[in-house]
Amino acid sequence: MQRQLECQAGKLMSDDPEATHERAAVQHMMRRLDGFARGVGLDEAAARGIVEKVVADMLMRTDEERVIEARTRMIEASA
């Protein structure tokens, strides 16, 4: 029964194209900003939190605009 529920939950999660796109956007930004985040002294968890918030706040913006905003927030968080 537990396995069946897990499969159903996984299917529902993967059926949501918006959530899938958001997760992909977060992963893409994390790859682009990993070195920058480490350079300003942020650990992965802090950087991921910033990136997730930027993606959620700026859904209709370009990737470049979101990267600029994430860098700005990372600098502010490191200060």
N, C-alpha and C. Protein backbone atom coordinates (compact mmCIF):
# COMPACT_ATOMS: atom_id res chain seq x y z
N MET A 1 0.83 -1.20 0.00
CA MET A 1 0.00 0.00 0.00
C MET A 1 0.87 1.26 0.00
N GLN A 2 1.90 1.27 0.86
CA GLN A 2 2.80 2.43 0.93
C GLN A 2 3.47 2.67 -0.42
N ARG A 3 3.92 1.59 -1.05
CA ARG A 3 4.59 1.70 -2.36
C ARG A 3 3.63 2.29 -3.40
N GLN A 4 2.38 1.86 -3.36
CA GLN A 4 1.39 2.36 -4.32
C GLN A 4 1.19 3.86 -4.13
N LEU A 5 1.10 4.31 -2.87
CA LEU A 5 0.94 5.74 -2.60
C LEU A 5 2.15 6.53 -3.07
N GLU A 6 3.36 5.99 -2.85
CA GLU A 6 4.57 6.66 -3.29
C GLU A 6 4.58 6.79 -4.82
N CYS A 7 4.17 5.75 -5.51
CA CYS A 7 4.13 5.80 -6.97
C CYS A 7 3.12 6.83 -7.45
N GLN A 8 1.97 6.86 -6.81
CA GLN A 8 0.96 7.84 -7.19
C GLN A 8 1.44 9.26 -6.93
N ALA A 9 2.08 9.47 -5.79
CA ALA A 9 2.60 10.81 -5.46
C ALA A 9 3.67 11.21 -6.47
N GLY A 10 4.55 10.28 -6.82
CA GLY A 10 5.59 10.57 -7.80
C GLY A 10 5.00 10.87 -9.16
N LYS A 11 3.97 10.15 -9.55
CA LYS A 11 3.31 10.39 -10.84
C LYS A 11 2.67 11.77 -10.86
N LEU A 12 1.99 12.13 -9.78
CA LEU A 12 1.36 13.44 -9.73
C LEU A 12 2.40 14.55 -9.79
N MET A 13 3.49 14.35 -9.09
CA MET A 13 4.54 15.36 -9.08
C MET A 13 5.14 15.52 -10.48
N SER A 14 5.39 14.42 -11.17
CA SER A 14 6.00 14.50 -12.48
C SER A 14 5.02 14.97 -13.55
N ASP A 15 3.72 14.89 -13.28
CA ASP A 15 2.73 15.34 -14.24
C ASP A 15 2.54 16.85 -14.23
N ASP A 16 3.11 17.55 -13.27
CA ASP A 16 2.95 19.00 -13.18
C ASP A 16 4.08 19.67 -13.95
N PRO A 17 3.80 20.12 -15.19
CA PRO A 17 4.88 20.69 -15.99
C PRO A 17 5.46 21.97 -15.42
N GLU A 18 4.66 22.74 -14.71
CA GLU A 18 5.17 23.98 -14.10
C GLU A 18 6.19 23.66 -13.01
N ALA A 19 5.89 22.68 -12.17
CA ALA A 19 6.82 22.29 -11.11
C ALA A 19 8.09 21.70 -11.71
N THR A 20 7.94 20.92 -12.76
CA THR A 20 9.10 20.33 -13.43
C THR A 20 9.99 21.43 -14.01
N HIS A 21 9.37 22.40 -14.64
CA HIS A 21 10.12 23.52 -15.22
C HIS A 21 10.84 24.32 -14.12
N GLU A 22 10.16 24.54 -13.01
CA GLU A 22 10.76 25.30 -11.91
C GLU A 22 11.96 24.55 -11.33
N ARG A 23 11.83 23.24 -11.14
CA ARG A 23 12.96 22.45 -10.63
C ARG A 23 14.14 22.50 -11.60
N ALA A 24 13.84 22.43 -12.90
CA ALA A 24 14.90 22.51 -13.90
C ALA A 24 15.58 23.88 -13.89
N ALA A 25 14.79 24.93 -13.72
CA ALA A 25 15.35 26.28 -13.66
C ALA A 25 16.27 26.43 -12.45
N VAL A 26 15.86 25.89 -11.31
CA VAL A 26 16.67 25.95 -10.10
C VAL A 26 17.99 25.21 -10.32
N GLN A 27 17.92 24.01 -10.89
CA GLN A 27 19.14 23.22 -11.12
C GLN A 27 20.08 23.94 -12.09
N HIS A 28 19.53 24.51 -13.13
CA HIS A 28 20.35 25.23 -14.11
C HIS A 28 21.04 26.42 -13.45
N MET A 29 20.31 27.18 -12.67
CA MET A 29 20.91 28.34 -11.99
C MET A 29 21.94 27.90 -10.96
N MET A 30 21.69 26.81 -10.27
CA MET A 30 22.66 26.33 -9.28
C MET A 30 23.97 25.97 -9.97
N ARG A 31 23.89 25.35 -11.13
CA ARG A 31 25.12 25.02 -11.87
C ARG A 31 25.87 26.29 -12.29
N ARG A 32 25.13 27.28 -12.74
CA ARG A 32 25.76 28.53 -13.18
C ARG A 32 26.36 29.33 -12.03
N LEU A 33 25.72 29.26 -10.86
CA LEU A 33 26.12 30.14 -9.75
C LEU A 33 26.91 29.45 -8.65
N ASP A 34 27.23 28.19 -8.81
CA ASP A 34 27.92 27.45 -7.75
C ASP A 34 29.25 28.11 -7.37
N GLY A 35 30.08 28.38 -8.34
CA GLY A 35 31.38 28.99 -8.06
C GLY A 35 31.24 30.38 -7.48
N PHE A 36 30.29 31.15 -7.98
CA PHE A 36 30.06 32.49 -7.47
C PHE A 36 29.65 32.43 -6.00
N ALA A 37 28.70 31.54 -5.69
CA ALA A 37 28.22 31.42 -4.31
C ALA A 37 29.35 31.04 -3.36
N ARG A 38 30.17 30.08 -3.78
CA ARG A 38 31.31 29.69 -2.94
C ARG A 38 32.30 30.84 -2.80
N GLY A 39 32.45 31.61 -3.85
CA GLY A 39 33.37 32.74 -3.82
C GLY A 39 32.98 33.83 -2.84
N VAL A 40 31.67 34.00 -2.61
CA VAL A 40 31.22 35.00 -1.64
C VAL A 40 30.98 34.37 -0.26
N GLY A 41 31.30 33.08 -0.13
CA GLY A 41 31.26 32.44 1.18
C GLY A 41 29.94 31.80 1.57
N LEU A 42 29.08 31.52 0.59
CA LEU A 42 27.80 30.87 0.91
C LEU A 42 27.91 29.36 0.72
N ASP A 43 27.28 28.61 1.61
CA ASP A 43 27.24 27.17 1.41
C ASP A 43 26.12 26.83 0.42
N GLU A 44 26.06 25.57 0.03
CA GLU A 44 25.09 25.16 -0.98
C GLU A 44 23.65 25.38 -0.54
N ALA A 45 23.36 25.11 0.72
CA ALA A 45 21.98 25.27 1.22
C ALA A 45 21.53 26.73 1.14
N ALA A 46 22.40 27.64 1.53
CA ALA A 46 22.06 29.07 1.47
C ALA A 46 21.87 29.52 0.03
N ALA A 47 22.78 29.08 -0.85
CA ALA A 47 22.68 29.44 -2.26
C ALA A 47 21.40 28.88 -2.87
N ARG A 48 21.08 27.63 -2.57
CA ARG A 48 19.86 27.02 -3.11
C ARG A 48 18.62 27.76 -2.63
N GLY A 49 18.60 28.15 -1.37
CA GLY A 49 17.45 28.91 -0.85
C GLY A 49 17.26 30.21 -1.60
N ILE A 50 18.35 30.90 -1.89
CA ILE A 50 18.27 32.15 -2.64
C ILE A 50 17.78 31.89 -4.06
N VAL A 51 18.35 30.89 -4.71
CA VAL A 51 17.98 30.57 -6.09
C VAL A 51 16.51 30.17 -6.17
N GLU A 52 16.05 29.33 -5.25
CA GLU A 52 14.64 28.91 -5.26
C GLU A 52 13.71 30.11 -5.10
N LYS A 53 14.07 31.03 -4.23
CA LYS A 53 13.25 32.22 -4.02
C LYS A 53 13.23 33.11 -5.27
N VAL A 54 14.39 33.28 -5.89
CA VAL A 54 14.47 34.10 -7.10
C VAL A 54 13.62 33.47 -8.21
N VAL A 55 13.73 32.17 -8.41
CA VAL A 55 12.94 31.51 -9.45
C VAL A 55 11.45 31.69 -9.17
N ALA A 56 11.05 31.51 -7.93
CA ALA A 56 9.63 31.66 -7.57
C ALA A 56 9.14 33.10 -7.74
N ASP A 57 10.00 34.06 -7.42
CA ASP A 57 9.62 35.48 -7.50
C ASP A 57 9.63 36.02 -8.92
N MET A 58 10.42 35.40 -9.80
CA MET A 58 10.65 35.98 -11.13
C MET A 58 10.32 34.98 -12.24
N LEU A 59 9.16 34.36 -12.16
CA LEU A 59 8.78 33.33 -13.12
C LEU A 59 8.78 33.81 -14.56
N MET A 60 8.38 35.03 -14.80
CA MET A 60 8.23 35.52 -16.17
C MET A 60 9.46 36.28 -16.68
N ARG A 61 10.56 36.20 -15.96
CA ARG A 61 11.79 36.90 -16.37
C ARG A 61 12.72 35.96 -17.11
N THR A 62 13.69 36.53 -17.78
CA THR A 62 14.67 35.71 -18.50
C THR A 62 15.64 35.07 -17.51
N ASP A 63 16.34 34.04 -17.98
CA ASP A 63 17.35 33.40 -17.14
C ASP A 63 18.41 34.39 -16.71
N GLU A 64 18.81 35.24 -17.62
CA GLU A 64 19.87 36.21 -17.30
C GLU A 64 19.42 37.18 -16.21
N GLU A 65 18.18 37.64 -16.28
CA GLU A 65 17.65 38.54 -15.25
C GLU A 65 17.62 37.85 -13.89
N ARG A 66 17.24 36.58 -13.90
CA ARG A 66 17.20 35.82 -12.63
C ARG A 66 18.60 35.59 -12.08
N VAL A 67 19.56 35.32 -12.94
CA VAL A 67 20.94 35.12 -12.48
C VAL A 67 21.48 36.41 -11.86
N ILE A 68 21.22 37.53 -12.50
CA ILE A 68 21.67 38.83 -11.96
C ILE A 68 21.06 39.06 -10.58
N GLU A 69 19.78 38.80 -10.45
CA GLU A 69 19.09 38.99 -9.16
C GLU A 69 19.64 38.04 -8.11
N ALA A 70 19.87 36.80 -8.48
CA ALA A 70 20.42 35.82 -7.53
C ALA A 70 21.80 36.25 -7.06
N ARG A 71 22.64 36.72 -7.97
CA ARG A 71 23.97 37.20 -7.58
C ARG A 71 23.87 38.37 -6.61
N THR A 72 22.97 39.28 -6.89
CA THR A 72 22.77 40.44 -6.00
C THR A 72 22.37 39.98 -4.61
N ARG A 73 21.41 39.06 -4.55
CA ARG A 73 20.96 38.56 -3.24
C ARG A 73 22.05 37.77 -2.53
N MET A 74 22.87 37.06 -3.27
CA MET A 74 23.97 36.32 -2.64
C MET A 74 25.00 37.29 -2.05
N ILE A 75 25.29 38.35 -2.75
CA ILE A 75 26.22 39.35 -2.22
C ILE A 75 25.65 39.96 -0.94
N GLU A 76 24.36 40.30 -0.97
CA GLU A 76 23.72 40.87 0.22
C GLU A 76 23.73 39.88 1.38
N ALA A 77 23.50 38.60 1.09
CA ALA A 77 23.48 37.59 2.15
C ALA A 77 24.85 37.36 2.75
N SER A 78 25.89 37.57 1.95
CA SER A 78 27.24 37.32 2.45
C SER A 78 27.80 38.48 3.25
N ALA A 79 27.18 39.65 3.13
CA ALA A 79 27.70 40.85 3.80
C ALA A 79 27.45 40.85 5.29
